[in-house]
Amino acid sequence: MARTRKPVVPGWFEQDAADFRLLGTRCRDCGAVFFPREDTFCRNPACGGGELAEMPLSRRGTVWSYTDTRYRPPAPYVSDPDAVWEPYLLVAVELAEERMVVLGQAAPGVRAADLTVGTEVELVPGVLHEDEEHTWTTWQWRLAEDGRGGEVGDEAISASRRPGTPGAVPAARGPVPAAPEAVPADAVTASLHRPPPEGGWAAGKKMAPWVGGG
């Protein structure tokens, strides 16, 4: 039976692989950009506006930090306790235009040894999990096409549900954040935003979380 493709979080990214992008929202009054998307009100405390419009985000960015996960994270991380834990590579990427840092898994074949802070990467579709009925899709980061990349085929996308492919993720080199203590669920799902600095987002930086599993 053919599986139905479904996004892990509806509305967070395009479904078209040819122009795959994350979808944020932008305040029409102050220009603040939000990801995960905010559809209710502008969270900029200095803005009285509330009209938000959907906005495709940059496909490219640079590595801000990265690490490989060698242990099963504590709650609120969701995973099958009966399944064998497979490490995967997690990348924090500063988007080229929005200067927002977004987390995501690395695409299959990307190793920690391939990355340094400042490495250019690009967004690609991936598969987080498959069950009997569904293929759960998400986003991932791969090296920007510069002779080492290539088109993302069905085989590579399907393999992305196995981020711990043997040999794909050696011990991380470079800046590796220390393992945090258990994080409250509301802290994981909350995005850390601030009003755009004078001159727009090009003058500053903000962070957005990645909510997903391995």
N, C-alpha and C. Protein backbone atom coordinates (compact mmCIF):
# COMPACT_ATOMS: atom_id res chain seq x y z
N MET A 1 0.83 -1.19 0.00
CA MET A 1 0.00 0.00 0.00
C MET A 1 0.87 1.25 0.00
N ALA A 2 0.57 2.19 -0.87
CA ALA A 2 1.34 3.41 -0.97
C ALA A 2 1.09 4.28 0.25
N ARG A 3 2.17 4.85 0.77
CA ARG A 3 2.04 5.74 1.93
C ARG A 3 1.64 7.15 1.48
N THR A 4 0.91 7.83 2.32
CA THR A 4 0.53 9.22 2.08
C THR A 4 1.57 10.12 2.72
N ARG A 5 2.09 11.09 1.96
CA ARG A 5 3.07 12.03 2.49
C ARG A 5 2.37 13.11 3.29
N LYS A 6 2.81 13.32 4.53
CA LYS A 6 2.21 14.34 5.38
C LYS A 6 3.32 15.10 6.09
N PRO A 7 3.18 16.42 6.19
CA PRO A 7 4.18 17.20 6.92
C PRO A 7 4.10 16.93 8.42
N VAL A 8 5.24 16.95 9.08
CA VAL A 8 5.27 16.76 10.53
C VAL A 8 4.47 17.87 11.21
N VAL A 9 4.66 19.10 10.72
CA VAL A 9 3.89 20.24 11.23
C VAL A 9 3.28 20.96 10.03
N PRO A 10 1.97 20.88 9.84
CA PRO A 10 1.34 21.51 8.67
C PRO A 10 1.57 23.02 8.66
N GLY A 11 1.87 23.55 7.48
CA GLY A 11 2.02 24.99 7.32
C GLY A 11 3.38 25.56 7.62
N TRP A 12 4.33 24.70 8.03
CA TRP A 12 5.67 25.20 8.36
C TRP A 12 6.62 25.20 7.17
N PHE A 13 6.27 24.47 6.10
CA PHE A 13 7.14 24.45 4.93
C PHE A 13 6.33 24.07 3.69
N GLU A 14 6.89 24.45 2.52
CA GLU A 14 6.25 24.13 1.25
C GLU A 14 6.28 22.61 1.03
N GLN A 15 5.32 22.12 0.28
CA GLN A 15 5.30 20.71 -0.07
C GLN A 15 5.99 20.43 -1.41
N ASP A 16 6.18 21.48 -2.21
CA ASP A 16 6.78 21.34 -3.53
C ASP A 16 8.30 21.21 -3.40
N ALA A 17 8.83 20.03 -3.75
CA ALA A 17 10.27 19.80 -3.62
C ALA A 17 11.09 20.69 -4.55
N ALA A 18 10.46 21.16 -5.66
CA ALA A 18 11.19 21.97 -6.62
C ALA A 18 11.50 23.36 -6.05
N ASP A 19 10.67 23.86 -5.15
CA ASP A 19 10.91 25.16 -4.53
C ASP A 19 10.64 25.04 -3.04
N PHE A 20 11.40 24.14 -2.41
CA PHE A 20 11.16 23.81 -1.01
C PHE A 20 11.65 24.94 -0.11
N ARG A 21 10.76 25.47 0.71
CA ARG A 21 11.10 26.57 1.61
C ARG A 21 10.36 26.42 2.94
N LEU A 22 10.96 26.96 3.98
CA LEU A 22 10.25 27.13 5.24
C LEU A 22 9.27 28.29 5.08
N LEU A 23 8.14 28.22 5.79
CA LEU A 23 7.14 29.27 5.72
C LEU A 23 7.02 29.96 7.06
N GLY A 24 7.38 31.24 7.09
CA GLY A 24 7.20 32.04 8.28
C GLY A 24 6.08 33.04 8.06
N THR A 25 5.94 33.98 8.97
CA THR A 25 4.98 35.07 8.79
C THR A 25 5.70 36.39 9.08
N ARG A 26 5.18 37.46 8.48
CA ARG A 26 5.78 38.78 8.60
C ARG A 26 4.69 39.78 8.98
N CYS A 27 4.99 40.63 9.95
CA CYS A 27 4.05 41.67 10.36
C CYS A 27 4.05 42.77 9.30
N ARG A 28 2.85 43.13 8.83
CA ARG A 28 2.76 44.16 7.80
C ARG A 28 3.10 45.54 8.33
N ASP A 29 3.01 45.73 9.65
CA ASP A 29 3.26 47.05 10.23
C ASP A 29 4.73 47.28 10.56
N CYS A 30 5.34 46.36 11.31
CA CYS A 30 6.71 46.59 11.75
C CYS A 30 7.75 45.78 10.99
N GLY A 31 7.31 44.77 10.22
CA GLY A 31 8.25 43.97 9.43
C GLY A 31 8.89 42.83 10.19
N ALA A 32 8.49 42.59 11.46
CA ALA A 32 9.06 41.47 12.22
C ALA A 32 8.69 40.15 11.55
N VAL A 33 9.68 39.25 11.47
CA VAL A 33 9.48 37.95 10.85
C VAL A 33 9.49 36.87 11.93
N PHE A 34 8.58 35.90 11.82
CA PHE A 34 8.46 34.86 12.83
C PHE A 34 8.55 33.47 12.21
N PHE A 35 9.36 32.62 12.84
CA PHE A 35 9.37 31.19 12.56
C PHE A 35 9.77 30.47 13.84
N PRO A 36 8.97 29.50 14.29
CA PRO A 36 7.73 29.04 13.68
C PRO A 36 6.74 30.18 13.47
N ARG A 37 5.90 30.01 12.47
CA ARG A 37 4.99 31.07 12.06
C ARG A 37 4.07 31.49 13.19
N GLU A 38 3.76 32.76 13.21
CA GLU A 38 2.80 33.33 14.16
C GLU A 38 1.63 33.86 13.34
N ASP A 39 0.44 33.33 13.57
CA ASP A 39 -0.73 33.73 12.79
C ASP A 39 -1.76 34.50 13.59
N THR A 40 -1.50 34.74 14.87
CA THR A 40 -2.50 35.38 15.72
C THR A 40 -2.24 36.88 15.89
N PHE A 41 -1.04 37.23 16.33
CA PHE A 41 -0.73 38.64 16.57
C PHE A 41 0.78 38.83 16.48
N CYS A 42 1.20 40.08 16.27
CA CYS A 42 2.63 40.39 16.23
C CYS A 42 3.17 40.37 17.64
N ARG A 43 4.24 39.62 17.87
CA ARG A 43 4.81 39.51 19.21
C ARG A 43 5.84 40.59 19.51
N ASN A 44 6.02 41.51 18.59
CA ASN A 44 6.89 42.65 18.85
C ASN A 44 6.18 43.57 19.84
N PRO A 45 6.70 43.71 21.08
CA PRO A 45 6.00 44.51 22.09
C PRO A 45 5.90 45.99 21.72
N ALA A 46 6.73 46.45 20.77
CA ALA A 46 6.69 47.85 20.37
C ALA A 46 5.73 48.09 19.21
N CYS A 47 5.07 47.02 18.76
CA CYS A 47 4.19 47.13 17.60
C CYS A 47 2.74 46.91 18.01
N GLY A 48 1.87 47.81 17.56
CA GLY A 48 0.46 47.67 17.86
C GLY A 48 -0.31 46.97 16.76
N GLY A 49 0.39 46.56 15.72
CA GLY A 49 -0.27 45.92 14.59
C GLY A 49 -0.56 44.46 14.85
N GLY A 50 -1.37 43.89 14.00
CA GLY A 50 -1.70 42.49 14.19
C GLY A 50 -1.88 41.73 12.90
N GLU A 51 -1.72 42.40 11.76
CA GLU A 51 -1.91 41.73 10.49
C GLU A 51 -0.62 41.04 10.07
N LEU A 52 -0.68 39.73 9.89
CA LEU A 52 0.48 38.93 9.56
C LEU A 52 0.27 38.24 8.22
N ALA A 53 1.31 38.22 7.41
CA ALA A 53 1.23 37.60 6.09
C ALA A 53 2.26 36.47 6.00
N GLU A 54 1.87 35.39 5.30
CA GLU A 54 2.79 34.27 5.11
C GLU A 54 3.98 34.73 4.28
N MET A 55 5.16 34.20 4.61
CA MET A 55 6.39 34.64 3.96
C MET A 55 7.34 33.45 3.78
N PRO A 56 7.66 33.07 2.53
CA PRO A 56 8.69 32.04 2.33
C PRO A 56 10.05 32.56 2.81
N LEU A 57 10.78 31.73 3.51
CA LEU A 57 12.08 32.14 4.05
C LEU A 57 13.22 31.71 3.13
N SER A 58 14.40 32.22 3.42
CA SER A 58 15.57 31.93 2.60
C SER A 58 15.85 30.44 2.54
N ARG A 59 16.26 29.96 1.38
CA ARG A 59 16.63 28.55 1.23
C ARG A 59 18.06 28.31 1.68
N ARG A 60 18.88 29.36 1.69
CA ARG A 60 20.29 29.20 2.03
C ARG A 60 20.63 29.94 3.32
N GLY A 61 21.73 29.50 3.91
CA GLY A 61 22.22 30.15 5.10
C GLY A 61 23.61 29.63 5.42
N THR A 62 24.13 30.02 6.56
CA THR A 62 25.46 29.57 6.99
C THR A 62 25.36 28.89 8.35
N VAL A 63 26.23 27.92 8.56
CA VAL A 63 26.22 27.17 9.82
C VAL A 63 26.58 28.11 10.97
N TRP A 64 25.72 28.16 11.96
CA TRP A 64 25.93 28.97 13.16
C TRP A 64 26.52 28.10 14.28
N SER A 65 26.08 26.84 14.33
CA SER A 65 26.62 25.85 15.25
C SER A 65 26.11 24.48 14.82
N TYR A 66 26.68 23.42 15.39
CA TYR A 66 26.26 22.07 15.02
C TYR A 66 26.75 21.07 16.07
N THR A 67 26.09 19.93 16.12
CA THR A 67 26.49 18.86 17.03
C THR A 67 25.86 17.55 16.56
N ASP A 68 26.40 16.44 16.99
CA ASP A 68 25.75 15.16 16.73
C ASP A 68 25.19 14.63 18.05
N THR A 69 24.01 14.07 17.99
CA THR A 69 23.33 13.59 19.19
C THR A 69 23.70 12.13 19.42
N ARG A 70 24.41 11.89 20.49
CA ARG A 70 24.89 10.55 20.80
C ARG A 70 24.08 9.86 21.88
N TYR A 71 23.04 10.53 22.38
CA TYR A 71 22.21 9.91 23.41
C TYR A 71 20.76 10.32 23.16
N ARG A 72 19.83 9.57 23.68
CA ARG A 72 18.42 9.88 23.53
C ARG A 72 18.08 11.06 24.44
N PRO A 73 17.63 12.18 23.89
CA PRO A 73 17.31 13.34 24.73
C PRO A 73 16.16 13.05 25.67
N PRO A 74 16.11 13.76 26.79
CA PRO A 74 15.00 13.56 27.74
C PRO A 74 13.73 14.22 27.23
N ALA A 75 12.61 13.98 27.92
CA ALA A 75 11.35 14.64 27.60
C ALA A 75 11.55 16.16 27.68
N PRO A 76 10.90 16.92 26.80
CA PRO A 76 9.74 16.56 25.98
C PRO A 76 10.07 15.99 24.61
N TYR A 77 11.32 15.59 24.36
CA TYR A 77 11.66 14.93 23.09
C TYR A 77 10.83 13.66 22.96
N VAL A 78 10.27 13.45 21.77
CA VAL A 78 9.39 12.30 21.54
C VAL A 78 10.12 11.26 20.69
N SER A 79 10.21 10.05 21.16
CA SER A 79 10.82 8.96 20.40
C SER A 79 10.27 7.63 20.92
N ASP A 80 10.47 6.60 20.14
CA ASP A 80 10.01 5.26 20.52
C ASP A 80 11.02 4.65 21.50
N PRO A 81 10.65 4.46 22.74
CA PRO A 81 11.60 3.94 23.73
C PRO A 81 12.06 2.53 23.43
N ASP A 82 11.32 1.81 22.59
CA ASP A 82 11.69 0.44 22.26
C ASP A 82 12.61 0.35 21.05
N ALA A 83 12.76 1.44 20.34
CA ALA A 83 13.61 1.45 19.14
C ALA A 83 15.06 1.72 19.53
N VAL A 84 15.98 1.16 18.77
CA VAL A 84 17.40 1.40 19.01
C VAL A 84 17.71 2.85 18.66
N TRP A 85 18.38 3.56 19.56
CA TRP A 85 18.70 4.97 19.31
C TRP A 85 19.81 5.08 18.26
N GLU A 86 19.58 5.89 17.25
CA GLU A 86 20.57 6.12 16.22
C GLU A 86 20.97 7.60 16.24
N PRO A 87 22.25 7.91 16.40
CA PRO A 87 22.69 9.31 16.42
C PRO A 87 22.35 10.02 15.13
N TYR A 88 22.18 11.32 15.22
CA TYR A 88 21.98 12.13 14.03
C TYR A 88 22.65 13.48 14.23
N LEU A 89 22.90 14.17 13.12
CA LEU A 89 23.60 15.44 13.13
C LEU A 89 22.60 16.58 13.13
N LEU A 90 22.73 17.48 14.07
CA LEU A 90 21.82 18.62 14.21
C LEU A 90 22.58 19.90 13.88
N VAL A 91 21.98 20.74 13.02
CA VAL A 91 22.66 21.95 12.54
C VAL A 91 21.80 23.18 12.83
N ALA A 92 22.43 24.21 13.38
CA ALA A 92 21.79 25.51 13.56
C ALA A 92 22.28 26.42 12.44
N VAL A 93 21.35 26.93 11.64
CA VAL A 93 21.69 27.68 10.43
C VAL A 93 21.13 29.10 10.52
N GLU A 94 21.99 30.08 10.25
CA GLU A 94 21.55 31.47 10.17
C GLU A 94 21.09 31.75 8.74
N LEU A 95 19.81 32.03 8.57
CA LEU A 95 19.25 32.26 7.24
C LEU A 95 19.85 33.50 6.61
N ALA A 96 20.07 33.42 5.30
CA ALA A 96 20.81 34.47 4.58
C ALA A 96 20.14 35.83 4.66
N GLU A 97 18.84 35.89 4.46
CA GLU A 97 18.15 37.17 4.42
C GLU A 97 17.61 37.59 5.78
N GLU A 98 16.99 36.66 6.49
CA GLU A 98 16.29 37.02 7.73
C GLU A 98 17.21 37.12 8.93
N ARG A 99 18.43 36.59 8.83
CA ARG A 99 19.39 36.57 9.95
C ARG A 99 18.78 35.89 11.16
N MET A 100 17.95 34.89 10.92
CA MET A 100 17.29 34.11 11.96
C MET A 100 17.95 32.74 12.00
N VAL A 101 18.19 32.19 13.18
CA VAL A 101 18.82 30.89 13.32
C VAL A 101 17.75 29.81 13.46
N VAL A 102 17.78 28.83 12.55
CA VAL A 102 16.79 27.76 12.52
C VAL A 102 17.51 26.42 12.64
N LEU A 103 17.00 25.54 13.48
CA LEU A 103 17.59 24.22 13.68
C LEU A 103 16.98 23.20 12.74
N GLY A 104 17.74 22.17 12.42
CA GLY A 104 17.24 21.07 11.63
C GLY A 104 18.28 19.97 11.54
N GLN A 105 17.84 18.78 11.18
CA GLN A 105 18.78 17.69 10.96
C GLN A 105 19.57 17.94 9.68
N ALA A 106 20.78 17.40 9.64
CA ALA A 106 21.56 17.40 8.41
C ALA A 106 21.01 16.32 7.48
N ALA A 107 21.11 16.56 6.19
CA ALA A 107 20.66 15.59 5.20
C ALA A 107 21.58 14.37 5.21
N PRO A 108 21.10 13.23 4.73
CA PRO A 108 21.93 12.03 4.67
C PRO A 108 23.23 12.30 3.93
N GLY A 109 24.34 11.79 4.46
CA GLY A 109 25.63 11.96 3.83
C GLY A 109 26.43 13.13 4.34
N VAL A 110 25.79 14.07 5.04
CA VAL A 110 26.52 15.20 5.62
C VAL A 110 27.11 14.76 6.95
N ARG A 111 28.42 14.94 7.10
CA ARG A 111 29.13 14.54 8.31
C ARG A 111 29.53 15.76 9.12
N ALA A 112 29.71 15.57 10.41
CA ALA A 112 30.19 16.67 11.24
C ALA A 112 31.53 17.19 10.73
N ALA A 113 32.35 16.28 10.19
CA ALA A 113 33.66 16.67 9.68
C ALA A 113 33.56 17.57 8.45
N ASP A 114 32.37 17.59 7.80
CA ASP A 114 32.17 18.43 6.62
C ASP A 114 31.85 19.87 7.00
N LEU A 115 31.52 20.12 8.26
CA LEU A 115 31.00 21.41 8.67
C LEU A 115 31.99 22.20 9.50
N THR A 116 31.93 23.49 9.35
CA THR A 116 32.56 24.45 10.24
C THR A 116 31.60 25.61 10.38
N VAL A 117 31.78 26.43 11.40
CA VAL A 117 30.95 27.63 11.52
C VAL A 117 31.19 28.50 10.28
N GLY A 118 30.11 28.90 9.63
CA GLY A 118 30.22 29.70 8.42
C GLY A 118 30.06 28.90 7.14
N THR A 119 30.04 27.55 7.22
CA THR A 119 29.82 26.74 6.02
C THR A 119 28.46 27.07 5.41
N GLU A 120 28.40 27.25 4.10
CA GLU A 120 27.13 27.56 3.44
C GLU A 120 26.35 26.27 3.22
N VAL A 121 25.07 26.30 3.59
CA VAL A 121 24.20 25.14 3.45
C VAL A 121 22.89 25.58 2.81
N GLU A 122 22.10 24.61 2.38
CA GLU A 122 20.80 24.92 1.78
C GLU A 122 19.75 23.95 2.28
N LEU A 123 18.51 24.40 2.20
CA LEU A 123 17.37 23.65 2.70
C LEU A 123 16.93 22.60 1.68
N VAL A 124 16.62 21.40 2.16
CA VAL A 124 16.09 20.34 1.29
C VAL A 124 14.99 19.59 2.03
N PRO A 125 14.07 18.96 1.29
CA PRO A 125 13.04 18.15 1.95
C PRO A 125 13.63 16.85 2.49
N GLY A 126 13.05 16.37 3.57
CA GLY A 126 13.51 15.11 4.14
C GLY A 126 12.35 14.34 4.72
N VAL A 127 12.64 13.16 5.22
CA VAL A 127 11.63 12.30 5.84
C VAL A 127 12.04 12.04 7.28
N LEU A 128 11.15 12.37 8.19
CA LEU A 128 11.43 12.17 9.60
C LEU A 128 11.11 10.75 10.05
N HIS A 129 10.01 10.20 9.51
CA HIS A 129 9.55 8.89 9.98
C HIS A 129 8.57 8.32 8.96
N GLU A 130 8.49 7.00 8.91
CA GLU A 130 7.50 6.32 8.09
C GLU A 130 6.79 5.27 8.93
N ASP A 131 5.47 5.21 8.77
CA ASP A 131 4.71 4.14 9.39
C ASP A 131 3.94 3.41 8.30
N GLU A 132 2.99 2.58 8.68
CA GLU A 132 2.29 1.77 7.68
C GLU A 132 1.47 2.62 6.70
N GLU A 133 1.02 3.79 7.15
CA GLU A 133 0.13 4.60 6.31
C GLU A 133 0.77 5.88 5.80
N HIS A 134 1.75 6.43 6.53
CA HIS A 134 2.22 7.77 6.20
C HIS A 134 3.74 7.86 6.09
N THR A 135 4.17 8.78 5.27
CA THR A 135 5.55 9.24 5.23
C THR A 135 5.55 10.65 5.79
N TRP A 136 6.16 10.84 6.95
CA TRP A 136 6.13 12.13 7.64
C TRP A 136 7.32 12.97 7.19
N THR A 137 7.02 14.08 6.52
CA THR A 137 8.07 14.90 5.92
C THR A 137 8.48 16.04 6.82
N THR A 138 9.73 16.51 6.62
CA THR A 138 10.28 17.61 7.40
C THR A 138 11.30 18.34 6.54
N TRP A 139 12.13 19.17 7.16
CA TRP A 139 13.20 19.86 6.43
C TRP A 139 14.55 19.43 6.97
N GLN A 140 15.56 19.53 6.12
CA GLN A 140 16.93 19.19 6.51
C GLN A 140 17.89 20.17 5.82
N TRP A 141 19.15 20.13 6.24
CA TRP A 141 20.19 20.99 5.68
C TRP A 141 21.27 20.14 5.03
N ARG A 142 21.69 20.54 3.82
CA ARG A 142 22.81 19.89 3.16
C ARG A 142 23.81 20.97 2.74
N LEU A 143 25.01 20.53 2.38
CA LEU A 143 26.00 21.46 1.88
C LEU A 143 25.47 22.14 0.63
N ALA A 144 25.68 23.44 0.52
CA ALA A 144 25.24 24.17 -0.66
C ALA A 144 25.96 23.61 -1.88
N GLU A 145 25.29 23.61 -3.01
CA GLU A 145 25.85 23.03 -4.23
C GLU A 145 27.09 23.80 -4.65
N ASP A 146 28.22 23.11 -4.55
CA ASP A 146 29.50 23.74 -4.91
C ASP A 146 30.45 22.68 -5.45
N GLY A 147 29.86 21.66 -6.03
CA GLY A 147 30.68 20.56 -6.53
C GLY A 147 30.61 19.35 -5.63
N ARG A 148 30.18 19.55 -4.36
CA ARG A 148 30.05 18.42 -3.44
C ARG A 148 28.60 18.00 -3.29
N GLY A 149 27.68 18.87 -3.73
CA GLY A 149 26.26 18.58 -3.55
C GLY A 149 25.68 17.87 -4.75
N GLY A 150 24.43 18.10 -4.99
CA GLY A 150 23.71 17.45 -6.09
C GLY A 150 22.24 17.48 -5.82
N GLU A 151 21.47 17.01 -6.78
CA GLU A 151 20.03 17.00 -6.60
C GLU A 151 19.65 15.97 -5.55
N VAL A 152 18.59 16.25 -4.83
CA VAL A 152 18.11 15.33 -3.80
C VAL A 152 17.11 14.38 -4.44
N GLY A 153 17.48 13.12 -4.57
CA GLY A 153 16.60 12.14 -5.20
C GLY A 153 15.74 11.44 -4.17
N ASP A 154 14.81 10.62 -4.67
CA ASP A 154 13.90 9.91 -3.77
C ASP A 154 14.64 9.01 -2.80
N GLU A 155 15.73 8.39 -3.28
CA GLU A 155 16.47 7.47 -2.41
C GLU A 155 17.09 8.22 -1.24
N ALA A 156 17.67 9.39 -1.52
CA ALA A 156 18.30 10.17 -0.46
C ALA A 156 17.27 10.70 0.51
N ILE A 157 16.11 11.16 -0.01
CA ILE A 157 15.07 11.68 0.86
C ILE A 157 14.53 10.58 1.76
N SER A 158 14.31 9.39 1.19
CA SER A 158 13.80 8.28 1.98
C SER A 158 14.79 7.88 3.06
N ALA A 159 16.09 7.92 2.71
CA ALA A 159 17.12 7.51 3.68
C ALA A 159 17.21 8.46 4.84
N SER A 160 16.65 9.67 4.69
CA SER A 160 16.78 10.65 5.75
C SER A 160 16.05 10.25 7.01
N ARG A 161 15.19 9.27 6.95
CA ARG A 161 14.55 8.80 8.18
C ARG A 161 15.51 7.98 9.00
N ARG A 162 16.70 7.72 8.46
CA ARG A 162 17.72 6.97 9.20
C ARG A 162 18.94 7.86 9.36
N PRO A 163 18.81 8.95 10.17
CA PRO A 163 19.91 9.91 10.27
C PRO A 163 21.17 9.33 10.86
N GLY A 164 21.08 8.19 11.51
CA GLY A 164 22.26 7.60 12.11
C GLY A 164 22.90 6.54 11.26
N THR A 165 22.83 6.68 9.93
CA THR A 165 23.45 5.71 9.04
C THR A 165 24.90 5.48 9.45
N PRO A 166 25.33 4.22 9.63
CA PRO A 166 26.68 3.96 10.13
C PRO A 166 27.73 4.70 9.31
N GLY A 167 28.62 5.37 10.02
CA GLY A 167 29.72 6.07 9.36
C GLY A 167 29.36 7.46 8.89
N ALA A 168 28.08 7.83 8.98
CA ALA A 168 27.67 9.13 8.44
C ALA A 168 27.92 10.26 9.42
N VAL A 169 28.00 9.96 10.72
CA VAL A 169 28.12 11.03 11.70
C VAL A 169 29.24 10.72 12.68
N PRO A 170 30.48 11.14 12.40
CA PRO A 170 31.57 10.93 13.35
C PRO A 170 31.44 11.92 14.49
N ALA A 171 32.34 11.80 15.45
CA ALA A 171 32.32 12.73 16.56
C ALA A 171 32.43 14.15 16.04
N ALA A 172 31.62 15.06 16.62
CA ALA A 172 31.58 16.43 16.12
C ALA A 172 32.90 17.13 16.36
N ARG A 173 33.28 17.97 15.39
CA ARG A 173 34.45 18.80 15.53
C ARG A 173 34.00 20.24 15.43
N GLY A 174 34.61 21.10 16.19
CA GLY A 174 34.18 22.49 16.17
C GLY A 174 33.35 22.75 17.41
N PRO A 175 32.61 23.86 17.40
CA PRO A 175 31.84 24.26 18.58
C PRO A 175 30.67 23.33 18.82
N VAL A 176 30.68 22.63 19.93
CA VAL A 176 29.60 21.69 20.26
C VAL A 176 28.99 22.13 21.59
N PRO A 177 27.71 22.53 21.59
CA PRO A 177 27.08 22.95 22.84
C PRO A 177 27.05 21.82 23.85
N ALA A 178 27.19 22.18 25.12
CA ALA A 178 27.11 21.18 26.18
C ALA A 178 25.70 20.63 26.24
N ALA A 179 25.59 19.36 26.65
CA ALA A 179 24.27 18.73 26.75
C ALA A 179 23.44 19.47 27.80
N PRO A 180 22.26 19.95 27.44
CA PRO A 180 21.45 20.70 28.39
C PRO A 180 20.73 19.79 29.36
N GLU A 181 20.26 20.40 30.46
CA GLU A 181 19.39 19.67 31.36
C GLU A 181 18.01 19.59 30.71
N ALA A 182 17.12 18.83 31.33
CA ALA A 182 15.77 18.69 30.77
C ALA A 182 15.16 20.07 30.57
N VAL A 183 14.57 20.28 29.41
CA VAL A 183 14.00 21.57 29.05
C VAL A 183 12.49 21.49 29.12
N PRO A 184 11.82 22.46 29.74
CA PRO A 184 10.35 22.43 29.78
C PRO A 184 9.77 22.46 28.38
N ALA A 185 8.60 21.84 28.21
CA ALA A 185 7.99 21.77 26.89
C ALA A 185 7.73 23.14 26.31
N ASP A 186 7.29 24.09 27.16
CA ASP A 186 6.97 25.40 26.62
C ASP A 186 8.23 26.12 26.15
N ALA A 187 9.38 25.77 26.72
CA ALA A 187 10.62 26.40 26.27
C ALA A 187 11.06 25.85 24.93
N VAL A 188 10.72 24.57 24.67
CA VAL A 188 11.09 23.97 23.39
C VAL A 188 10.26 24.54 22.26
N THR A 189 8.96 24.72 22.51
CA THR A 189 8.07 25.16 21.45
C THR A 189 8.02 26.67 21.30
N ALA A 190 8.57 27.39 22.27
CA ALA A 190 8.54 28.85 22.17
C ALA A 190 9.68 29.34 21.30
N SER A 191 9.42 30.30 20.45
CA SER A 191 10.47 30.90 19.64
C SER A 191 10.98 32.14 20.33
N LEU A 192 12.26 32.41 20.21
CA LEU A 192 12.88 33.54 20.86
C LEU A 192 12.99 34.66 19.84
N HIS A 193 12.09 35.62 19.92
CA HIS A 193 12.06 36.71 18.97
C HIS A 193 12.24 38.03 19.70
N ARG A 194 12.69 39.00 18.99
CA ARG A 194 12.77 40.35 19.51
C ARG A 194 12.44 41.31 18.38
N PRO A 195 12.11 42.57 18.71
CA PRO A 195 11.79 43.52 17.65
C PRO A 195 12.97 43.70 16.71
N PRO A 196 12.71 43.96 15.42
CA PRO A 196 13.81 44.18 14.49
C PRO A 196 14.61 45.41 14.88
N PRO A 197 15.95 45.36 14.83
CA PRO A 197 16.75 46.51 15.20
C PRO A 197 16.63 47.61 14.16
N GLU A 198 17.12 48.76 14.53
CA GLU A 198 17.10 49.87 13.59
C GLU A 198 17.86 49.47 12.32
N GLY A 199 17.23 49.64 11.20
CA GLY A 199 17.85 49.23 9.94
C GLY A 199 17.36 47.88 9.46
N GLY A 200 16.46 47.23 10.26
CA GLY A 200 15.90 45.95 9.82
C GLY A 200 16.68 44.77 10.36
N TRP A 201 16.26 43.58 9.96
CA TRP A 201 16.87 42.35 10.47
C TRP A 201 18.30 42.18 10.01
N ALA A 202 18.71 42.87 8.96
CA ALA A 202 20.09 42.74 8.50
C ALA A 202 21.07 43.23 9.55
N ALA A 203 20.56 44.05 10.50
CA ALA A 203 21.44 44.59 11.53
C ALA A 203 21.48 43.73 12.78
N GLY A 204 20.68 42.70 12.86
CA GLY A 204 20.65 41.90 14.08
C GLY A 204 20.39 40.45 13.80
N LYS A 205 20.09 39.70 14.84
CA LYS A 205 19.93 38.25 14.72
C LYS A 205 18.91 37.78 15.73
N LYS A 206 18.16 36.76 15.39
CA LYS A 206 17.24 36.14 16.34
C LYS A 206 17.25 34.64 16.11
N MET A 207 16.61 33.93 16.99
CA MET A 207 16.65 32.47 16.89
C MET A 207 15.24 31.90 16.84
N ALA A 208 15.14 30.78 16.16
CA ALA A 208 13.89 30.04 16.11
C ALA A 208 14.21 28.58 16.35
N PRO A 209 13.34 27.86 17.06
CA PRO A 209 13.65 26.47 17.40
C PRO A 209 13.31 25.51 16.29
N TRP A 210 13.84 24.32 16.41
CA TRP A 210 13.44 23.21 15.55
C TRP A 210 12.72 22.23 16.43
N VAL A 211 11.47 21.94 16.09
CA VAL A 211 10.69 21.02 16.89
C VAL A 211 10.50 19.75 16.09
N GLY A 212 11.18 18.72 16.44
CA GLY A 212 11.09 17.49 15.66
C GLY A 212 11.79 16.36 16.37
N GLY A 213 11.82 15.23 15.77
CA GLY A 213 12.43 14.06 16.38
C GLY A 213 13.40 13.41 15.45
N GLY A 214 14.06 12.41 15.93
CA GLY A 214 15.04 11.71 15.12
C GLY A 214 14.51 10.38 14.66
